[in-house]
N, C-alpha and C. Protein backbone atom coordinates (compact mmCIF):
# COMPACT_ATOMS: atom_id res chain seq x y z
N UNK A 1 -10.67 -1.30 -13.01
CA UNK A 1 -10.38 0.10 -12.84
C UNK A 1 -11.40 0.96 -13.58
N UNK A 2 -11.94 0.45 -14.69
CA UNK A 2 -12.94 1.22 -15.44
C UNK A 2 -14.20 1.46 -14.63
N UNK A 3 -14.55 0.48 -13.79
CA UNK A 3 -15.74 0.65 -12.95
C UNK A 3 -15.55 1.83 -12.02
N UNK A 4 -14.35 1.92 -11.42
CA UNK A 4 -14.08 3.03 -10.51
C UNK A 4 -14.03 4.36 -11.25
N UNK A 5 -13.48 4.35 -12.47
CA UNK A 5 -13.43 5.59 -13.25
C UNK A 5 -14.83 6.08 -13.57
N UNK A 6 -15.71 5.15 -13.98
CA UNK A 6 -17.10 5.54 -14.28
C UNK A 6 -17.80 6.04 -13.02
N UNK A 7 -17.57 5.35 -11.90
CA UNK A 7 -18.19 5.77 -10.64
C UNK A 7 -17.71 7.16 -10.24
N UNK A 8 -16.40 7.40 -10.34
CA UNK A 8 -15.87 8.71 -9.97
C UNK A 8 -16.40 9.81 -10.90
N UNK A 9 -16.50 9.50 -12.18
CA UNK A 9 -17.01 10.50 -13.12
C UNK A 9 -18.46 10.85 -12.81
N UNK A 10 -19.28 9.83 -12.55
CA UNK A 10 -20.69 10.09 -12.23
C UNK A 10 -20.84 10.80 -10.89
N UNK A 11 -20.03 10.40 -9.91
CA UNK A 11 -20.15 11.06 -8.61
C UNK A 11 -19.67 12.51 -8.67
N UNK A 12 -18.61 12.79 -9.43
CA UNK A 12 -18.18 14.18 -9.60
C UNK A 12 -19.24 15.00 -10.32
N UNK A 13 -19.93 14.39 -11.27
CA UNK A 13 -21.01 15.08 -11.98
C UNK A 13 -22.13 15.42 -11.02
N UNK A 14 -22.49 14.48 -10.14
CA UNK A 14 -23.58 14.72 -9.18
C UNK A 14 -23.15 15.73 -8.11
N UNK A 15 -21.92 15.59 -7.62
CA UNK A 15 -21.47 16.47 -6.53
C UNK A 15 -21.36 17.91 -7.00
N UNK A 16 -20.82 18.10 -8.20
CA UNK A 16 -20.64 19.47 -8.69
C UNK A 16 -21.97 20.08 -9.14
N UNK A 17 -22.95 19.25 -9.41
CA UNK A 17 -24.25 19.75 -9.83
C UNK A 17 -24.28 20.24 -11.25
N UNK A 18 -23.29 19.86 -12.02
CA UNK A 18 -23.25 20.31 -13.42
C UNK A 18 -24.00 19.34 -14.32
N UNK A 19 -24.38 19.81 -15.50
CA UNK A 19 -25.10 18.98 -16.44
C UNK A 19 -24.17 18.40 -17.50
N UNK A 20 -22.95 18.81 -17.50
CA UNK A 20 -21.96 18.28 -18.43
C UNK A 20 -20.70 17.96 -17.63
N UNK A 21 -19.84 17.18 -18.22
CA UNK A 21 -18.62 16.78 -17.52
C UNK A 21 -17.61 17.92 -17.53
N UNK A 22 -17.32 18.41 -16.34
CA UNK A 22 -16.31 19.45 -16.21
C UNK A 22 -14.93 18.79 -16.25
N UNK A 23 -13.91 19.55 -16.57
CA UNK A 23 -12.56 18.95 -16.53
C UNK A 23 -12.27 18.36 -15.14
N UNK A 24 -11.63 17.19 -15.13
CA UNK A 24 -11.40 16.49 -13.87
C UNK A 24 -10.61 17.32 -12.87
N UNK A 25 -9.64 18.04 -13.34
CA UNK A 25 -8.80 18.82 -12.44
C UNK A 25 -9.63 19.87 -11.71
N UNK A 26 -10.49 20.55 -12.43
CA UNK A 26 -11.33 21.58 -11.82
C UNK A 26 -12.33 20.97 -10.85
N UNK A 27 -12.95 19.87 -11.24
CA UNK A 27 -13.93 19.21 -10.38
C UNK A 27 -13.27 18.66 -9.11
N UNK A 28 -12.06 18.10 -9.24
CA UNK A 28 -11.37 17.56 -8.06
C UNK A 28 -10.96 18.66 -7.09
N UNK A 29 -10.53 19.79 -7.63
CA UNK A 29 -10.16 20.90 -6.75
C UNK A 29 -11.40 21.50 -6.10
N UNK A 30 -12.48 21.63 -6.86
CA UNK A 30 -13.70 22.24 -6.33
C UNK A 30 -14.33 21.37 -5.25
N UNK A 31 -14.29 20.06 -5.41
CA UNK A 31 -14.92 19.16 -4.44
C UNK A 31 -13.96 18.65 -3.39
N UNK A 32 -12.67 18.96 -3.53
CA UNK A 32 -11.64 18.53 -2.58
C UNK A 32 -11.55 17.00 -2.51
N UNK A 33 -11.71 16.35 -3.65
CA UNK A 33 -11.57 14.90 -3.76
C UNK A 33 -10.26 14.61 -4.47
N UNK A 34 -9.40 13.74 -3.89
CA UNK A 34 -8.13 13.45 -4.56
C UNK A 34 -8.35 12.66 -5.85
N UNK A 35 -7.39 12.68 -6.75
CA UNK A 35 -7.52 11.92 -8.00
C UNK A 35 -7.60 10.42 -7.73
N UNK A 36 -8.25 9.71 -8.63
CA UNK A 36 -8.46 8.27 -8.46
C UNK A 36 -7.16 7.48 -8.34
N UNK A 37 -6.12 7.74 -9.15
CA UNK A 37 -4.87 6.97 -8.96
C UNK A 37 -4.27 7.14 -7.57
N UNK A 38 -4.40 8.33 -7.00
CA UNK A 38 -3.89 8.55 -5.65
C UNK A 38 -4.71 7.77 -4.62
N UNK A 39 -6.01 7.71 -4.80
CA UNK A 39 -6.87 6.94 -3.90
C UNK A 39 -6.49 5.46 -3.97
N UNK A 40 -6.25 4.95 -5.17
CA UNK A 40 -5.88 3.55 -5.34
C UNK A 40 -4.55 3.26 -4.64
N UNK A 41 -3.58 4.16 -4.79
CA UNK A 41 -2.28 3.97 -4.14
C UNK A 41 -2.43 3.96 -2.61
N UNK A 42 -3.25 4.86 -2.08
CA UNK A 42 -3.45 4.91 -0.63
C UNK A 42 -4.13 3.66 -0.10
N UNK A 43 -5.12 3.17 -0.82
CA UNK A 43 -5.81 1.95 -0.40
C UNK A 43 -4.85 0.75 -0.46
N UNK A 44 -4.00 0.71 -1.47
CA UNK A 44 -3.03 -0.37 -1.59
C UNK A 44 -2.02 -0.31 -0.44
N UNK A 45 -1.54 0.87 -0.11
CA UNK A 45 -0.62 1.01 1.02
C UNK A 45 -1.29 0.59 2.33
N UNK A 46 -2.53 0.97 2.50
CA UNK A 46 -3.26 0.58 3.71
C UNK A 46 -3.38 -0.94 3.79
N UNK A 47 -3.64 -1.58 2.66
CA UNK A 47 -3.72 -3.04 2.63
C UNK A 47 -2.38 -3.67 3.00
N UNK A 48 -1.29 -3.12 2.47
CA UNK A 48 0.04 -3.67 2.78
C UNK A 48 0.36 -3.52 4.27
N UNK A 49 0.02 -2.37 4.86
CA UNK A 49 0.26 -2.19 6.29
C UNK A 49 -0.58 -3.15 7.12
N UNK A 50 -1.82 -3.37 6.70
CA UNK A 50 -2.66 -4.33 7.42
C UNK A 50 -2.12 -5.74 7.29
N UNK A 51 -1.56 -6.06 6.12
CA UNK A 51 -0.97 -7.38 5.93
C UNK A 51 0.23 -7.58 6.85
N UNK A 52 0.99 -6.50 7.08
CA UNK A 52 2.13 -6.61 7.99
C UNK A 52 1.71 -6.86 9.43
N UNK A 53 0.54 -6.36 9.81
CA UNK A 53 0.09 -6.52 11.18
C UNK A 53 -0.81 -7.73 11.37
N UNK A 54 -1.05 -8.51 10.33
CA UNK A 54 -1.90 -9.69 10.48
C UNK A 54 -1.04 -10.92 10.78
N UNK A 55 -1.50 -12.08 10.37
CA UNK A 55 -0.82 -13.32 10.72
C UNK A 55 0.52 -13.49 9.99
N UNK A 56 1.24 -14.54 10.34
CA UNK A 56 2.59 -14.75 9.81
C UNK A 56 2.61 -15.03 8.31
N UNK A 57 1.58 -15.68 7.78
CA UNK A 57 1.58 -15.99 6.35
C UNK A 57 1.49 -14.72 5.51
N UNK A 58 0.66 -13.77 5.94
CA UNK A 58 0.56 -12.51 5.21
C UNK A 58 1.84 -11.69 5.35
N UNK A 59 2.44 -11.74 6.54
CA UNK A 59 3.72 -11.06 6.75
C UNK A 59 4.79 -11.63 5.83
N UNK A 60 4.77 -12.96 5.68
CA UNK A 60 5.75 -13.62 4.81
C UNK A 60 5.56 -13.20 3.36
N UNK A 61 4.31 -13.03 2.94
CA UNK A 61 4.05 -12.60 1.57
C UNK A 61 4.62 -11.20 1.34
N UNK A 62 4.41 -10.30 2.29
CA UNK A 62 4.93 -8.94 2.15
C UNK A 62 6.46 -8.96 2.13
N UNK A 63 7.08 -9.78 2.98
CA UNK A 63 8.54 -9.87 2.99
C UNK A 63 9.07 -10.47 1.69
N UNK A 64 8.33 -11.38 1.10
CA UNK A 64 8.74 -11.94 -0.19
C UNK A 64 8.63 -10.89 -1.29
N UNK A 65 7.59 -10.08 -1.23
CA UNK A 65 7.41 -9.03 -2.23
C UNK A 65 8.56 -8.03 -2.15
N UNK A 66 9.07 -7.78 -0.93
CA UNK A 66 10.19 -6.85 -0.77
C UNK A 66 11.43 -7.29 -1.52
N UNK A 67 11.56 -8.58 -1.76
CA UNK A 67 12.76 -9.11 -2.41
C UNK A 67 12.64 -9.22 -3.93
N UNK A 68 11.45 -8.94 -4.48
CA UNK A 68 11.22 -9.09 -5.93
C UNK A 68 10.95 -7.70 -6.53
N UNK A 69 11.94 -7.07 -7.13
CA UNK A 69 11.74 -5.72 -7.67
C UNK A 69 10.74 -5.65 -8.83
N UNK A 70 10.48 -6.76 -9.49
CA UNK A 70 9.56 -6.73 -10.63
C UNK A 70 8.10 -6.91 -10.21
N UNK A 71 7.85 -7.12 -8.94
CA UNK A 71 6.48 -7.32 -8.46
C UNK A 71 5.72 -6.00 -8.49
N UNK A 72 4.41 -6.08 -8.72
CA UNK A 72 3.62 -4.84 -8.84
C UNK A 72 3.48 -4.10 -7.51
N UNK A 73 3.64 -4.79 -6.38
CA UNK A 73 3.55 -4.13 -5.08
C UNK A 73 4.92 -3.76 -4.51
N UNK A 74 5.98 -3.97 -5.25
CA UNK A 74 7.32 -3.69 -4.74
C UNK A 74 7.48 -2.21 -4.36
N UNK A 75 6.98 -1.34 -5.19
CA UNK A 75 7.09 0.10 -4.91
C UNK A 75 6.36 0.45 -3.61
N UNK A 76 5.26 -0.23 -3.35
CA UNK A 76 4.52 0.03 -2.12
C UNK A 76 5.32 -0.40 -0.89
N UNK A 77 6.06 -1.50 -1.01
CA UNK A 77 6.89 -1.92 0.12
C UNK A 77 8.03 -0.92 0.34
N UNK A 78 8.54 -0.34 -0.72
CA UNK A 78 9.57 0.70 -0.58
C UNK A 78 8.99 1.90 0.15
N UNK A 79 7.79 2.30 -0.24
CA UNK A 79 7.12 3.43 0.43
C UNK A 79 6.85 3.11 1.90
N UNK A 80 6.49 1.85 2.18
CA UNK A 80 6.24 1.47 3.57
C UNK A 80 7.51 1.59 4.39
N UNK A 81 8.63 1.12 3.85
CA UNK A 81 9.91 1.22 4.56
C UNK A 81 10.29 2.67 4.78
N UNK A 82 10.09 3.52 3.77
CA UNK A 82 10.41 4.94 3.92
C UNK A 82 9.53 5.58 4.99
N UNK A 83 8.25 5.23 5.01
CA UNK A 83 7.35 5.79 6.01
C UNK A 83 7.76 5.34 7.41
N UNK A 84 8.06 4.05 7.56
CA UNK A 84 8.45 3.56 8.88
C UNK A 84 9.77 4.16 9.33
N UNK A 85 10.70 4.35 8.41
CA UNK A 85 11.98 4.99 8.76
C UNK A 85 11.74 6.42 9.21
N UNK A 86 10.84 7.12 8.54
CA UNK A 86 10.52 8.49 8.92
C UNK A 86 9.78 8.52 10.25
N UNK A 87 8.81 7.64 10.41
CA UNK A 87 7.95 7.64 11.60
C UNK A 87 8.73 7.26 12.85
N UNK A 88 9.53 6.21 12.76
CA UNK A 88 10.21 5.69 13.94
C UNK A 88 11.66 6.13 14.04
N UNK A 89 12.15 6.91 13.10
CA UNK A 89 13.49 7.43 13.17
C UNK A 89 14.57 6.39 12.97
N UNK A 90 14.26 5.30 12.28
CA UNK A 90 15.26 4.25 12.05
C UNK A 90 16.09 4.60 10.83
N UNK A 91 17.37 4.69 11.02
CA UNK A 91 18.25 5.01 9.90
C UNK A 91 18.66 3.77 9.14
N UNK A 92 18.68 2.64 9.81
CA UNK A 92 19.16 1.41 9.17
C UNK A 92 17.99 0.44 8.99
N UNK A 93 17.04 0.81 8.15
CA UNK A 93 15.88 -0.06 7.94
C UNK A 93 16.27 -1.36 7.27
N UNK A 94 17.33 -1.38 6.49
CA UNK A 94 17.74 -2.61 5.81
C UNK A 94 18.21 -3.62 6.85
N UNK A 95 18.97 -3.17 7.84
CA UNK A 95 19.42 -4.09 8.89
C UNK A 95 18.23 -4.59 9.69
N UNK A 96 17.30 -3.71 10.00
CA UNK A 96 16.11 -4.11 10.73
C UNK A 96 15.30 -5.14 9.96
N UNK A 97 15.18 -4.93 8.64
CA UNK A 97 14.41 -5.85 7.81
C UNK A 97 15.08 -7.22 7.76
N UNK A 98 16.41 -7.24 7.63
CA UNK A 98 17.12 -8.51 7.59
C UNK A 98 17.00 -9.25 8.92
N UNK A 99 17.06 -8.54 10.03
CA UNK A 99 16.88 -9.18 11.33
C UNK A 99 15.48 -9.76 11.46
N UNK A 100 14.48 -9.00 11.01
CA UNK A 100 13.10 -9.46 11.08
C UNK A 100 12.90 -10.69 10.22
N UNK A 101 13.49 -10.68 9.04
CA UNK A 101 13.38 -11.81 8.13
C UNK A 101 14.07 -13.03 8.70
N UNK A 102 15.26 -12.86 9.26
CA UNK A 102 15.99 -13.98 9.85
C UNK A 102 15.23 -14.55 11.04
N UNK A 103 14.65 -13.69 11.86
CA UNK A 103 13.86 -14.15 13.01
C UNK A 103 12.65 -14.93 12.54
N UNK A 104 12.00 -14.44 11.51
CA UNK A 104 10.82 -15.12 10.99
C UNK A 104 11.17 -16.52 10.48
N UNK A 105 12.23 -16.62 9.68
CA UNK A 105 12.61 -17.93 9.15
C UNK A 105 13.13 -18.85 10.25
N UNK A 106 13.77 -18.29 11.27
CA UNK A 106 14.22 -19.10 12.38
C UNK A 106 13.03 -19.69 13.12
N UNK A 107 11.99 -18.91 13.32
CA UNK A 107 10.78 -19.42 13.98
C UNK A 107 10.13 -20.53 13.17
N UNK A 108 10.12 -20.39 11.85
CA UNK A 108 9.56 -21.44 11.00
C UNK A 108 10.40 -22.71 11.12
N UNK A 109 11.72 -22.56 11.10
CA UNK A 109 12.60 -23.72 11.20
C UNK A 109 12.39 -24.44 12.53
N UNK A 110 12.32 -23.68 13.61
CA UNK A 110 12.11 -24.28 14.93
C UNK A 110 10.76 -24.98 15.00
N UNK A 111 9.72 -24.35 14.47
CA UNK A 111 8.39 -24.95 14.55
C UNK A 111 8.29 -26.22 13.72
N UNK A 112 9.00 -26.29 12.63
CA UNK A 112 8.93 -27.49 11.78
C UNK A 112 9.75 -28.65 12.33
N UNK A 113 10.88 -28.34 12.93
CA UNK A 113 11.80 -29.41 13.33
C UNK A 113 11.71 -29.80 14.78
N UNK A 114 11.15 -28.96 15.62
CA UNK A 114 11.16 -29.26 17.06
C UNK A 114 9.77 -29.27 17.68
N UNK A 115 8.73 -29.43 16.88
CA UNK A 115 7.38 -29.52 17.47
C UNK A 115 6.76 -30.86 17.15
């Protein structure tokens, strides 16, 4: 994270054209660049959404993270569920998630025992 902080500080210095470090809030508003923690959260959410749309092993990892509240990505899975509920108008996302999880495990069971 320190590498990104140094990079953002140097890039804000170059973009603003100042010779000294201006306060971050002023520089971010002047250059219309979001704060670094927000950028990190957005990139992490994008990664989680891509993991949901990739192969079954990555989907399984995301579904496992949903069940562990102490995991560092747990909050991101909560945000993903809230976004999907808002986007698709699903009021019962918990039921949908349980059905998806049961279907996934059923497919694994079938593939292991009947192939």
